[in-house]
Amino acid sequence: MKFPKPHTLKQIAKLIDCDFVGDENFSVLGMNEIHVVTPGDIVFVDHPKYYDKALNSAATIILINKEVECPEGKALLISDDPFRDFNKLTNHFKPFIASQSSISDSAIIGKNTVIQPNCFIGHNVVIGDHCIIHSNVSIYDDAVIGNHVTIHAGTVLGANAFYYKKRSEGYDRLKSCGRVVIEDHVDLGALCTIDRGVTGDTIIGEGSKLDNQIQIGHDTVVGKNCLIASQAGIAGCVIIEDDVTIWGQVGCTSGITIGEKAVVHAQAGISKSLEGHKTYWGTPAQEARIELKEMASIKQIPNILSELKKIK
């Protein structure tokens, strides 16, 4: 997320009441998670395991819970609770604003687009031309929808990321200020849920088709012309490259990549990145031909045991 205008390091430190290391006039342009940071962004880190990754990332302002050596050309914000203070910044720059109508006055809806009854369309939503939005669809603030898009009943675009920090008193949610972006010629089935990015975009690429009851997690990017069947669950920060086919009830862990033109058979469990141009099955998912060979071998175990008994 980029701020409406640049701020200084001193101004940001004052907003969250923390110390800083670096020139007080150091320019701060926005805030982002580590996988989408660019120069001028704030990134937060609150565990020593990830200090080096954050300090060496593209971010030039690191919100951190320990005073460490500051890399050249960067600045530090020293906080006793970076998670909390990242949320403070989200609340300041992107506060929740309640809607007063089912279709916000700030929404932009293109020509020949049909909005069926009982839809909710939030603030600053942009919907392109020749779309059909069926009844009871909820489109949260800031979503961007291209041209020739069909969204079936009950689908929700832009709910919060499933991202929590465990505290002694319970779970603390990382607030989401990102967007959902649906590109041209996408079809979304009924009762799909596509979560907004924490600070960036969750994207469904041009020409992709999603069946009913599919979950897409925060900051996931689905490429062009992908086909995803019913009840698939894709976690956050996944990259699905172009022309991938995912069949029903597939589950996918976070932060991995599925290569272009991969095919994943039904009920597979994806626990690591998959190469493109191959077919996968099983849990954990592996190449289908290997899985089938292993299953065929397992079926031979009773015969093998029987033959061993004869030898005795």
C-alpha atoms as a PDB file:
ATOM      1  CA  MET A   1       0.000   0.000   0.000  1.00  0.00           C
ATOM      2  CA  LYS A   2       1.343   3.409  -0.984  1.00  0.00           C
ATOM      3  CA  PHE A   3       0.499   6.420   1.146  1.00  0.00           C
ATOM      4  CA  PRO A   4      -1.478   9.294  -0.417  1.00  0.00           C
ATOM      5  CA  LYS A   5       1.639  11.435  -0.078  1.00  0.00           C
ATOM      6  CA  PRO A   6       5.216  10.849   1.141  1.00  0.00           C
ATOM      7  CA  HIS A   7       5.873  11.057   4.878  1.00  0.00           C
ATOM      8  CA  THR A   8       9.109  11.510   6.801  1.00  0.00           C
ATOM      9  CA  LEU A   9      10.611   8.940   9.123  1.00  0.00           C
ATOM     10  CA  LYS A  10       9.997  11.321  12.036  1.00  0.00           C
ATOM     11  CA  GLN A  11       6.312  11.662  11.140  1.00  0.00           C
ATOM     12  CA  ILE A  12       5.825   7.897  11.001  1.00  0.00           C
ATOM     13  CA  ALA A  13       7.677   7.386  14.287  1.00  0.00           C
ATOM     14  CA  LYS A  14       5.401   9.956  15.915  1.00  0.00           C
ATOM     15  CA  LEU A  15       2.276   8.180  14.632  1.00  0.00           C
ATOM     16  CA  ILE A  16       3.261   4.936  16.378  1.00  0.00           C
ATOM     17  CA  ASP A  17       5.201   6.538  19.258  1.00  0.00           C
ATOM     18  CA  CYS A  18       8.497   4.738  18.675  1.00  0.00           C
ATOM     19  CA  ASP A  19      12.194   5.527  18.316  1.00  0.00           C
ATOM     20  CA  PHE A  20      13.934   5.565  14.963  1.00  0.00           C
ATOM     21  CA  VAL A  21      17.397   5.182  13.454  1.00  0.00           C
ATOM     22  CA  GLY A  22      18.204   7.270  10.411  1.00  0.00           C
ATOM     23  CA  ASP A  23      17.687  10.760   9.037  1.00  0.00           C
ATOM     24  CA  GLU A  24      14.443  12.182  10.450  1.00  0.00           C
ATOM     25  CA  ASN A  25      13.590  13.435   6.938  1.00  0.00           C
ATOM     26  CA  PHE A  26      14.085   9.993   5.365  1.00  0.00           C
ATOM     27  CA  SER A  27      11.251   9.544   2.849  1.00  0.00           C
ATOM     28  CA  VAL A  28       8.564   6.937   3.595  1.00  0.00           C
ATOM     29  CA  LEU A  29       6.275   6.134   0.653  1.00  0.00           C
ATOM     30  CA  GLY A  30       4.181   3.198   1.862  1.00  0.00           C
ATOM     31  CA  MET A  31       3.998  -0.063   3.787  1.00  0.00           C
ATOM     32  CA  ASN A  32       3.944  -3.636   2.564  1.00  0.00           C
ATOM     33  CA  GLU A  33       4.515  -7.249   3.452  1.00  0.00           C
ATOM     34  CA  ILE A  34       7.926  -8.612   2.648  1.00  0.00           C
ATOM     35  CA  HIS A  35       6.917 -10.453  -0.535  1.00  0.00           C
ATOM     36  CA  VAL A  36       5.670  -7.236  -2.188  1.00  0.00           C
ATOM     37  CA  VAL A  37       7.914  -4.504  -0.728  1.00  0.00           C
ATOM     38  CA  THR A  38       9.567  -1.890  -2.909  1.00  0.00           C
ATOM     39  CA  PRO A  39      12.003   0.923  -2.049  1.00  0.00           C
ATOM     40  CA  GLY A  40      10.345   3.499   0.199  1.00  0.00           C
ATOM     41  CA  ASP A  41       8.167   0.895   1.941  1.00  0.00           C
ATOM     42  CA  ILE A  42       7.964  -0.049   5.601  1.00  0.00           C
ATOM     43  CA  VAL A  43       8.174  -3.767   6.356  1.00  0.00           C
ATOM     44  CA  PHE A  44       7.715  -5.197   9.844  1.00  0.00           C
ATOM     45  CA  VAL A  45       9.637  -8.018  11.515  1.00  0.00           C
ATOM     46  CA  ASP A  46       9.252  -9.289  15.075  1.00  0.00           C
ATOM     47  CA  HIS A  47      11.265 -12.515  15.183  1.00  0.00           C
ATOM     48  CA  PRO A  48      15.077 -12.908  15.054  1.00  0.00           C
ATOM     49  CA  LYS A  49      14.675 -15.735  12.532  1.00  0.00           C
ATOM     50  CA  TYR A  50      13.513 -13.189   9.942  1.00  0.00           C
ATOM     51  CA  TYR A  51      15.667 -10.160  10.828  1.00  0.00           C
ATOM     52  CA  ASP A  52      18.167 -10.695   8.007  1.00  0.00           C
ATOM     53  CA  LYS A  53      15.446 -11.297   5.436  1.00  0.00           C
ATOM     54  CA  ALA A  54      13.693  -8.057   6.366  1.00  0.00           C
ATOM     55  CA  LEU A  55      16.885  -5.997   6.626  1.00  0.00           C
ATOM     56  CA  ASN A  56      18.090  -7.234   3.227  1.00  0.00           C
ATOM     57  CA  SER A  57      14.706  -6.910   1.492  1.00  0.00           C
ATOM     58  CA  ALA A  58      13.748  -4.186  -0.980  1.00  0.00           C
ATOM     59  CA  ALA A  59      12.092  -2.287   1.878  1.00  0.00           C
ATOM     60  CA  THR A  60      14.041   0.765   3.003  1.00  0.00           C
ATOM     61  CA  ILE A  61      12.314   1.217   6.376  1.00  0.00           C
ATOM     62  CA  ILE A  62      12.286  -1.745   8.776  1.00  0.00           C
ATOM     63  CA  LEU A  63       9.853  -1.766  11.704  1.00  0.00           C
ATOM     64  CA  ILE A  64      11.700  -4.039  14.132  1.00  0.00           C
ATOM     65  CA  ASN A  65      11.642  -4.965  17.831  1.00  0.00           C
ATOM     66  CA  LYS A  66      15.399  -4.702  18.415  1.00  0.00           C
ATOM     67  CA  GLU A  67      17.962  -2.031  17.684  1.00  0.00           C
ATOM     68  CA  VAL A  68      20.334  -3.608  15.169  1.00  0.00           C
ATOM     69  CA  GLU A  69      22.917  -2.263  12.777  1.00  0.00           C
ATOM     70  CA  CYS A  70      21.055  -0.299  10.127  1.00  0.00           C
ATOM     71  CA  PRO A  71      21.951  -1.200   6.531  1.00  0.00           C
ATOM     72  CA  GLU A  72      23.324   1.626   4.430  1.00  0.00           C
ATOM     73  CA  GLY A  73      20.618   3.640   2.706  1.00  0.00           C
ATOM     74  CA  LYS A  74      17.880   2.385   5.027  1.00  0.00           C
ATOM     75  CA  ALA A  75      16.176   3.410   8.268  1.00  0.00           C
ATOM     76  CA  LEU A  76      14.795   1.626  11.315  1.00  0.00           C
ATOM     77  CA  LEU A  77      11.673   2.108  13.398  1.00  0.00           C
ATOM     78  CA  ILE A  78      12.310   0.546  16.823  1.00  0.00           C
ATOM     79  CA  SER A  79       9.116  -0.813  18.383  1.00  0.00           C
ATOM     80  CA  ASP A  80       8.364  -3.111  21.290  1.00  0.00           C
ATOM     81  CA  ASP A  81       5.558  -4.631  19.180  1.00  0.00           C
ATOM     82  CA  PRO A  82       5.955  -4.251  15.394  1.00  0.00           C
ATOM     83  CA  PHE A  83       2.797  -6.286  14.684  1.00  0.00           C
ATOM     84  CA  ARG A  84       0.694  -3.896  16.754  1.00  0.00           C
ATOM     85  CA  ASP A  85       2.303  -0.822  15.217  1.00  0.00           C
ATOM     86  CA  PHE A  86       1.898  -2.106  11.662  1.00  0.00           C
ATOM     87  CA  ASN A  87      -1.819  -2.361  12.463  1.00  0.00           C
ATOM     88  CA  LYS A  88      -1.762   1.194  13.830  1.00  0.00           C
ATOM     89  CA  LEU A  89      -0.380   2.424  10.522  1.00  0.00           C
ATOM     90  CA  THR A  90      -3.036   0.490   8.597  1.00  0.00           C
ATOM     91  CA  ASN A  91      -5.746   2.054  10.734  1.00  0.00           C
ATOM     92  CA  HIS A  92      -4.290   5.503  10.157  1.00  0.00           C
ATOM     93  CA  PHE A  93      -3.776   5.331   6.402  1.00  0.00           C
ATOM     94  CA  LYS A  94      -6.605   2.966   5.461  1.00  0.00           C
ATOM     95  CA  PRO A  95      -9.292   3.105   8.160  1.00  0.00           C
ATOM     96  CA  PHE A  96     -12.523   1.134   7.856  1.00  0.00           C
ATOM     97  CA  ILE A  97     -15.353   3.378   6.642  1.00  0.00           C
ATOM     98  CA  ALA A  98     -18.881   2.066   7.097  1.00  0.00           C
ATOM     99  CA  SER A  99     -21.151   2.009   4.053  1.00  0.00           C
ATOM    100  CA  GLN A 100     -24.447   3.862   4.011  1.00  0.00           C
ATOM    101  CA  SER A 101     -25.890   2.131   0.955  1.00  0.00           C
ATOM    102  CA  SER A 102     -25.735  -1.222  -0.792  1.00  0.00           C
ATOM    103  CA  ILE A 103     -23.870   0.332  -3.730  1.00  0.00           C
ATOM    104  CA  SER A 104     -21.389   3.006  -2.684  1.00  0.00           C
ATOM    105  CA  ASP A 105     -21.576   6.400  -4.368  1.00  0.00           C
ATOM    106  CA  SER A 106     -17.828   6.131  -4.974  1.00  0.00           C
ATOM    107  CA  ALA A 107     -18.161   2.875  -6.949  1.00  0.00           C
ATOM    108  CA  ILE A 108     -17.606   3.088 -10.707  1.00  0.00           C
ATOM    109  CA  ILE A 109     -19.669   0.685 -12.820  1.00  0.00           C
ATOM    110  CA  GLY A 110     -19.013   0.309 -16.549  1.00  0.00           C
ATOM    111  CA  LYS A 111     -21.414   0.353 -19.476  1.00  0.00           C
ATOM    112  CA  ASN A 112     -23.745  -2.595 -20.108  1.00  0.00           C
ATOM    113  CA  THR A 113     -22.867  -4.102 -16.725  1.00  0.00           C
ATOM    114  CA  VAL A 114     -25.767  -5.739 -14.877  1.00  0.00           C
ATOM    115  CA  ILE A 115     -25.963  -5.693 -11.081  1.00  0.00           C
ATOM    116  CA  GLN A 116     -28.635  -8.106  -9.844  1.00  0.00           C
ATOM    117  CA  PRO A 117     -30.686  -7.373  -6.674  1.00  0.00           C
ATOM    118  CA  ASN A 118     -29.255  -7.631  -3.145  1.00  0.00           C
ATOM    119  CA  CYS A 119     -25.621  -7.087  -4.107  1.00  0.00           C
ATOM    120  CA  PHE A 120     -23.221  -5.085  -1.944  1.00  0.00           C
ATOM    121  CA  ILE A 121     -20.588  -2.957  -3.670  1.00  0.00           C
ATOM    122  CA  GLY A 122     -18.207  -1.089  -1.385  1.00  0.00           C
ATOM    123  CA  HIS A 123     -16.266   2.147  -1.526  1.00  0.00           C
ATOM    124  CA  ASN A 124     -13.956   2.827  -4.489  1.00  0.00           C
ATOM    125  CA  VAL A 125     -14.886  -0.405  -6.280  1.00  0.00           C
ATOM    126  CA  VAL A 126     -14.319  -0.322 -10.042  1.00  0.00           C
ATOM    127  CA  ILE A 127     -16.308  -2.687 -12.277  1.00  0.00           C
ATOM    128  CA  GLY A 128     -15.688  -2.730 -16.022  1.00  0.00           C
ATOM    129  CA  ASP A 129     -17.964  -3.083 -19.023  1.00  0.00           C
ATOM    130  CA  HIS A 130     -20.280  -5.963 -19.986  1.00  0.00           C
ATOM    131  CA  CYS A 131     -20.148  -7.698 -16.588  1.00  0.00           C
ATOM    132  CA  ILE A 132     -22.899  -9.656 -14.847  1.00  0.00           C
ATOM    133  CA  ILE A 133     -22.907  -9.572 -11.045  1.00  0.00           C
ATOM    134  CA  HIS A 134     -25.544 -11.994  -9.794  1.00  0.00           C
ATOM    135  CA  SER A 135     -27.629 -11.618  -6.634  1.00  0.00           C
ATOM    136  CA  ASN A 136     -26.154 -11.555  -3.129  1.00  0.00           C
ATOM    137  CA  VAL A 137     -22.591 -10.953  -4.279  1.00  0.00           C
ATOM    138  CA  SER A 138     -20.529  -8.870  -1.834  1.00  0.00           C
ATOM    139  CA  ILE A 139     -17.662  -6.820  -3.239  1.00  0.00           C
ATOM    140  CA  TYR A 140     -15.643  -5.116  -0.504  1.00  0.00           C
ATOM    141  CA  ASP A 141     -13.907  -1.755  -0.748  1.00  0.00           C
ATOM    142  CA  ASP A 142     -11.265  -1.045  -3.410  1.00  0.00           C
ATOM    143  CA  ALA A 143     -11.829  -4.176  -5.511  1.00  0.00           C
ATOM    144  CA  VAL A 144     -11.100  -3.834  -9.231  1.00  0.00           C
ATOM    145  CA  ILE A 145     -13.042  -5.937 -11.727  1.00  0.00           C
ATOM    146  CA  GLY A 146     -12.289  -5.946 -15.431  1.00  0.00           C
ATOM    147  CA  ASN A 147     -14.487  -6.274 -18.506  1.00  0.00           C
ATOM    148  CA  HIS A 148     -16.697  -9.240 -19.450  1.00  0.00           C
ATOM    149  CA  VAL A 149     -16.579 -10.718 -15.945  1.00  0.00           C
ATOM    150  CA  THR A 150     -19.336 -12.959 -14.560  1.00  0.00           C
ATOM    151  CA  ILE A 151     -19.712 -13.408 -10.788  1.00  0.00           C
ATOM    152  CA  HIS A 152     -22.343 -15.844  -9.554  1.00  0.00           C
ATOM    153  CA  ALA A 153     -24.561 -15.592  -6.505  1.00  0.00           C
ATOM    154  CA  GLY A 154     -23.153 -15.477  -2.997  1.00  0.00           C
ATOM    155  CA  THR A 155     -19.532 -14.881  -3.923  1.00  0.00           C
ATOM    156  CA  VAL A 156     -17.512 -12.602  -1.606  1.00  0.00           C
ATOM    157  CA  LEU A 157     -14.561 -10.554  -2.832  1.00  0.00           C
ATOM    158  CA  GLY A 158     -12.283  -8.808  -0.360  1.00  0.00           C
ATOM    159  CA  ALA A 159     -12.769 -10.382   3.060  1.00  0.00           C
ATOM    160  CA  ASN A 160      -9.887 -10.102   5.543  1.00  0.00           C
ATOM    161  CA  ALA A 161      -6.731 -12.127   5.226  1.00  0.00           C
ATOM    162  CA  PHE A 162      -6.553 -15.142   7.546  1.00  0.00           C
ATOM    163  CA  TYR A 163      -3.475 -13.819   9.338  1.00  0.00           C
ATOM    164  CA  TYR A 164      -3.220 -13.855  13.152  1.00  0.00           C
ATOM    165  CA  LYS A 165      -0.630 -13.504  15.888  1.00  0.00           C
ATOM    166  CA  LYS A 166      -1.168 -15.598  19.006  1.00  0.00           C
ATOM    167  CA  ARG A 167      -1.203 -13.550  22.212  1.00  0.00           C
ATOM    168  CA  SER A 168      -1.617 -14.666  25.802  1.00  0.00           C
ATOM    169  CA  GLU A 169      -5.155 -13.279  25.724  1.00  0.00           C
ATOM    170  CA  GLY A 170      -6.042 -14.801  22.318  1.00  0.00           C
ATOM    171  CA  TYR A 171      -5.434 -14.121  18.643  1.00  0.00           C
ATOM    172  CA  ASP A 172      -4.623 -10.680  17.244  1.00  0.00           C
ATOM    173  CA  ARG A 173      -5.568 -10.117  13.594  1.00  0.00           C
ATOM    174  CA  LEU A 174      -3.242  -8.412  11.132  1.00  0.00           C
ATOM    175  CA  LYS A 175      -5.479  -5.842   9.490  1.00  0.00           C
ATOM    176  CA  SER A 176      -5.916  -6.029   5.736  1.00  0.00           C
ATOM    177  CA  CYS A 177      -5.716  -2.971   3.498  1.00  0.00           C
ATOM    178  CA  GLY A 178      -5.005  -4.620   0.143  1.00  0.00           C
ATOM    179  CA  ARG A 179      -7.305  -5.283  -2.802  1.00  0.00           C
ATOM    180  CA  VAL A 180      -8.859  -7.989  -4.923  1.00  0.00           C
ATOM    181  CA  VAL A 181      -8.226  -7.588  -8.659  1.00  0.00           C
ATOM    182  CA  ILE A 182     -10.265  -9.618 -11.155  1.00  0.00           C
ATOM    183  CA  GLU A 183      -8.990  -9.277 -14.709  1.00  0.00           C
ATOM    184  CA  ASP A 184     -10.958  -9.429 -17.985  1.00  0.00           C
ATOM    185  CA  HIS A 185     -13.044 -12.445 -19.073  1.00  0.00           C
ATOM    186  CA  VAL A 186     -12.969 -14.152 -15.673  1.00  0.00           C
ATOM    187  CA  ASP A 187     -15.885 -16.303 -14.490  1.00  0.00           C
ATOM    188  CA  LEU A 188     -16.399 -16.821 -10.759  1.00  0.00           C
ATOM    189  CA  GLY A 189     -18.834 -19.506  -9.620  1.00  0.00           C
ATOM    190  CA  ALA A 190     -21.334 -19.310  -6.789  1.00  0.00           C
ATOM    191  CA  LEU A 191     -20.189 -19.013  -3.167  1.00  0.00           C
ATOM    192  CA  CYS A 192     -16.516 -18.373  -3.929  1.00  0.00           C
ATOM    193  CA  THR A 193     -14.456 -16.419  -1.397  1.00  0.00           C
ATOM    194  CA  ILE A 194     -11.454 -14.409  -2.520  1.00  0.00           C
ATOM    195  CA  ASP A 195      -9.624 -12.605   0.293  1.00  0.00           C
ATOM    196  CA  ARG A 196      -8.008  -9.209  -0.139  1.00  0.00           C
ATOM    197  CA  GLY A 197      -4.252  -8.807   0.125  1.00  0.00           C
ATOM    198  CA  VAL A 198      -2.827  -7.726   3.445  1.00  0.00           C
ATOM    199  CA  THR A 199      -1.171  -4.726   1.786  1.00  0.00           C
ATOM    200  CA  GLY A 200      -0.986  -5.821  -1.865  1.00  0.00           C
ATOM    201  CA  ASP A 201      -3.343  -7.430  -4.374  1.00  0.00           C
ATOM    202  CA  THR A 202      -4.988 -10.819  -4.648  1.00  0.00           C
ATOM    203  CA  ILE A 203      -5.265 -11.331  -8.413  1.00  0.00           C
ATOM    204  CA  ILE A 204      -7.318 -13.615 -10.660  1.00  0.00           C
ATOM    205  CA  GLY A 205      -5.740 -13.468 -14.109  1.00  0.00           C
ATOM    206  CA  GLU A 206      -7.381 -12.839 -17.431  1.00  0.00           C
ATOM    207  CA  GLY A 207      -9.546 -15.647 -18.792  1.00  0.00           C
ATOM    208  CA  SER A 208      -9.420 -17.821 -15.677  1.00  0.00           C
ATOM    209  CA  LYS A 209     -12.525 -19.777 -14.668  1.00  0.00           C
ATOM    210  CA  LEU A 210     -13.411 -20.716 -11.089  1.00  0.00           C
ATOM    211  CA  ASP A 211     -16.121 -23.220 -10.198  1.00  0.00           C
ATOM    212  CA  ASN A 212     -18.407 -22.942  -7.159  1.00  0.00           C
ATOM    213  CA  GLN A 213     -17.248 -22.871  -3.529  1.00  0.00           C
ATOM    214  CA  ILE A 214     -13.576 -22.055  -3.990  1.00  0.00           C
ATOM    215  CA  GLN A 215     -11.382 -20.283  -1.414  1.00  0.00           C
ATOM    216  CA  ILE A 216      -8.504 -18.085  -2.573  1.00  0.00           C
ATOM    217  CA  GLY A 217      -6.276 -16.725   0.203  1.00  0.00           C
ATOM    218  CA  HIS A 218      -4.705 -13.288   0.608  1.00  0.00           C
ATOM    219  CA  ASP A 219      -2.083 -12.066  -1.865  1.00  0.00           C
ATOM    220  CA  THR A 220      -2.418 -15.152  -4.036  1.00  0.00           C
ATOM    221  CA  VAL A 221      -1.915 -14.589  -7.760  1.00  0.00           C
ATOM    222  CA  VAL A 222      -3.789 -16.838 -10.188  1.00  0.00           C
ATOM    223  CA  GLY A 223      -2.411 -16.576 -13.710  1.00  0.00           C
ATOM    224  CA  LYS A 224      -4.157 -16.373 -17.062  1.00  0.00           C
ATOM    225  CA  ASN A 225      -6.523 -19.058 -18.363  1.00  0.00           C
ATOM    226  CA  CYS A 226      -6.435 -21.194 -15.234  1.00  0.00           C
ATOM    227  CA  LEU A 227      -9.234 -23.652 -14.458  1.00  0.00           C
ATOM    228  CA  ILE A 228     -10.065 -24.368 -10.803  1.00  0.00           C
ATOM    229  CA  ALA A 229     -12.804 -26.855  -9.879  1.00  0.00           C
ATOM    230  CA  SER A 230     -15.214 -26.842  -6.963  1.00  0.00           C
ATOM    231  CA  GLN A 231     -14.130 -26.890  -3.299  1.00  0.00           C
ATOM    232  CA  ALA A 232     -10.461 -26.196  -3.967  1.00  0.00           C
ATOM    233  CA  GLY A 233      -8.777 -24.295  -1.143  1.00  0.00           C
ATOM    234  CA  ILE A 234      -5.764 -22.145  -2.008  1.00  0.00           C
ATOM    235  CA  ALA A 235      -3.882 -20.536   0.890  1.00  0.00           C
ATOM    236  CA  GLY A 236      -2.314 -17.087   0.930  1.00  0.00           C
ATOM    237  CA  CYS A 237       0.729 -15.885  -1.031  1.00  0.00           C
ATOM    238  CA  VAL A 238       0.517 -18.674  -3.619  1.00  0.00           C
ATOM    239  CA  ILE A 239       1.563 -18.085  -7.228  1.00  0.00           C
ATOM    240  CA  ILE A 240      -0.381 -20.122  -9.765  1.00  0.00           C
ATOM    241  CA  GLU A 241       1.140 -19.589 -13.177  1.00  0.00           C
ATOM    242  CA  ASP A 242      -0.733 -19.490 -16.498  1.00  0.00           C
ATOM    243  CA  ASP A 243      -2.858 -22.358 -17.856  1.00  0.00           C
ATOM    244  CA  VAL A 244      -2.876 -24.399 -14.640  1.00  0.00           C
ATOM    245  CA  THR A 245      -5.744 -26.842 -14.021  1.00  0.00           C
ATOM    246  CA  ILE A 246      -6.729 -27.666 -10.428  1.00  0.00           C
ATOM    247  CA  TRP A 247      -9.493 -30.206  -9.928  1.00  0.00           C
ATOM    248  CA  GLY A 248     -11.989 -30.522  -7.081  1.00  0.00           C
ATOM    249  CA  GLN A 249     -11.145 -30.504  -3.359  1.00  0.00           C
ATOM    250  CA  VAL A 250      -7.458 -29.787  -3.849  1.00  0.00           C
ATOM    251  CA  GLY A 251      -5.818 -28.159  -0.826  1.00  0.00           C
ATOM    252  CA  CYS A 252      -2.753 -25.960  -1.169  1.00  0.00           C
ATOM    253  CA  THR A 253      -0.401 -24.605   1.504  1.00  0.00           C
ATOM    254  CA  SER A 254       0.799 -20.995   1.542  1.00  0.00           C
ATOM    255  CA  GLY A 255       3.761 -19.391  -0.137  1.00  0.00           C
ATOM    256  CA  ILE A 256       4.403 -21.892  -2.925  1.00  0.00           C
ATOM    257  CA  THR A 257       4.374 -21.757  -6.739  1.00  0.00           C
ATOM    258  CA  ILE A 258       2.495 -24.012  -9.146  1.00  0.00           C
ATOM    259  CA  GLY A 259       4.200 -23.901 -12.525  1.00  0.00           C
ATOM    260  CA  GLU A 260       2.479 -23.134 -15.806  1.00  0.00           C
ATOM    261  CA  LYS A 261       0.315 -25.808 -17.434  1.00  0.00           C
ATOM    262  CA  ALA A 262       0.511 -28.061 -14.393  1.00  0.00           C
ATOM    263  CA  VAL A 263      -2.516 -30.291 -13.766  1.00  0.00           C
ATOM    264  CA  VAL A 264      -3.458 -31.243 -10.191  1.00  0.00           C
ATOM    265  CA  HIS A 265      -5.941 -34.100  -9.810  1.00  0.00           C
ATOM    266  CA  ALA A 266      -8.836 -34.071  -7.353  1.00  0.00           C
ATOM    267  CA  GLN A 267      -8.238 -34.225  -3.576  1.00  0.00           C
ATOM    268  CA  ALA A 268      -4.499 -33.715  -3.893  1.00  0.00           C
ATOM    269  CA  GLY A 269      -2.702 -31.974  -1.031  1.00  0.00           C
ATOM    270  CA  ILE A 270      -0.037 -29.524  -2.223  1.00  0.00           C
ATOM    271  CA  SER A 271       2.655 -28.980   0.406  1.00  0.00           C
ATOM    272  CA  LYS A 272       5.501 -27.603  -1.746  1.00  0.00           C
ATOM    273  CA  SER A 273       6.064 -25.905  -5.090  1.00  0.00           C
ATOM    274  CA  LEU A 274       5.223 -27.908  -8.206  1.00  0.00           C
ATOM    275  CA  GLU A 275       7.001 -27.741 -11.554  1.00  0.00           C
ATOM    276  CA  GLY A 276       5.001 -26.803 -14.609  1.00  0.00           C
ATOM    277  CA  HIS A 277       3.977 -29.059 -17.513  1.00  0.00           C
ATOM    278  CA  LYS A 278       3.416 -32.067 -15.220  1.00  0.00           C
ATOM    279  CA  THR A 279       0.413 -33.862 -13.725  1.00  0.00           C
ATOM    280  CA  TYR A 280       0.111 -34.354  -9.957  1.00  0.00           C
ATOM    281  CA  TRP A 281      -1.950 -36.373  -7.509  1.00  0.00           C
ATOM    282  CA  GLY A 282      -1.940 -37.556  -3.899  1.00  0.00           C
ATOM    283  CA  THR A 283      -1.012 -36.124  -0.507  1.00  0.00           C
ATOM    284  CA  PRO A 284       1.585 -34.788  -0.469  1.00  0.00           C
ATOM    285  CA  ALA A 285       1.125 -34.174  -4.191  1.00  0.00           C
ATOM    286  CA  GLN A 286       3.656 -35.793  -6.487  1.00  0.00           C
ATOM    287  CA  GLU A 287       3.713 -36.716 -10.151  1.00  0.00           C
ATOM    288  CA  ALA A 288       0.622 -38.805 -10.822  1.00  0.00           C
ATOM    289  CA  ARG A 289       2.490 -41.582 -12.626  1.00  0.00           C
ATOM    290  CA  ILE A 290       4.757 -42.080  -9.604  1.00  0.00           C
ATOM    291  CA  GLU A 291       1.779 -42.092  -7.234  1.00  0.00           C
ATOM    292  CA  LEU A 292      -0.051 -44.649  -9.396  1.00  0.00           C
ATOM    293  CA  LYS A 293       3.010 -46.906  -9.577  1.00  0.00           C
ATOM    294  CA  GLU A 294       3.347 -46.784  -5.789  1.00  0.00           C
ATOM    295  CA  MET A 295      -0.323 -47.664  -5.343  1.00  0.00           C
ATOM    296  CA  ALA A 296       0.033 -50.560  -7.754  1.00  0.00           C
ATOM    297  CA  SER A 297       3.059 -51.784  -5.798  1.00  0.00           C
ATOM    298  CA  ILE A 298       1.192 -51.557  -2.485  1.00  0.00           C
ATOM    299  CA  LYS A 299      -1.566 -53.725  -3.893  1.00  0.00           C
ATOM    300  CA  GLN A 300       1.029 -56.443  -4.496  1.00  0.00           C
ATOM    301  CA  ILE A 301       1.977 -56.640  -0.797  1.00  0.00           C
ATOM    302  CA  PRO A 302      -0.623 -59.368   0.070  1.00  0.00           C
ATOM    303  CA  ASN A 303       0.670 -61.537  -2.788  1.00  0.00           C
ATOM    304  CA  ILE A 304       4.272 -60.966  -1.714  1.00  0.00           C
ATOM    305  CA  LEU A 305       3.433 -61.934   1.889  1.00  0.00           C
ATOM    306  CA  SER A 306       1.636 -65.041   0.640  1.00  0.00           C
ATOM    307  CA  GLU A 307       4.678 -66.087  -1.397  1.00  0.00           C
ATOM    308  CA  LEU A 308       6.966 -65.509   1.618  1.00  0.00           C
ATOM    309  CA  LYS A 309       4.773 -67.802   3.728  1.00  0.00           C
ATOM    310  CA  LYS A 310       5.137 -70.530   1.115  1.00  0.00           C
ATOM    311  CA  ILE A 311       8.944 -70.252   1.302  1.00  0.00           C
ATOM    312  CA  LYS A 312       8.798 -70.857   5.058  1.00  0.00           C
END
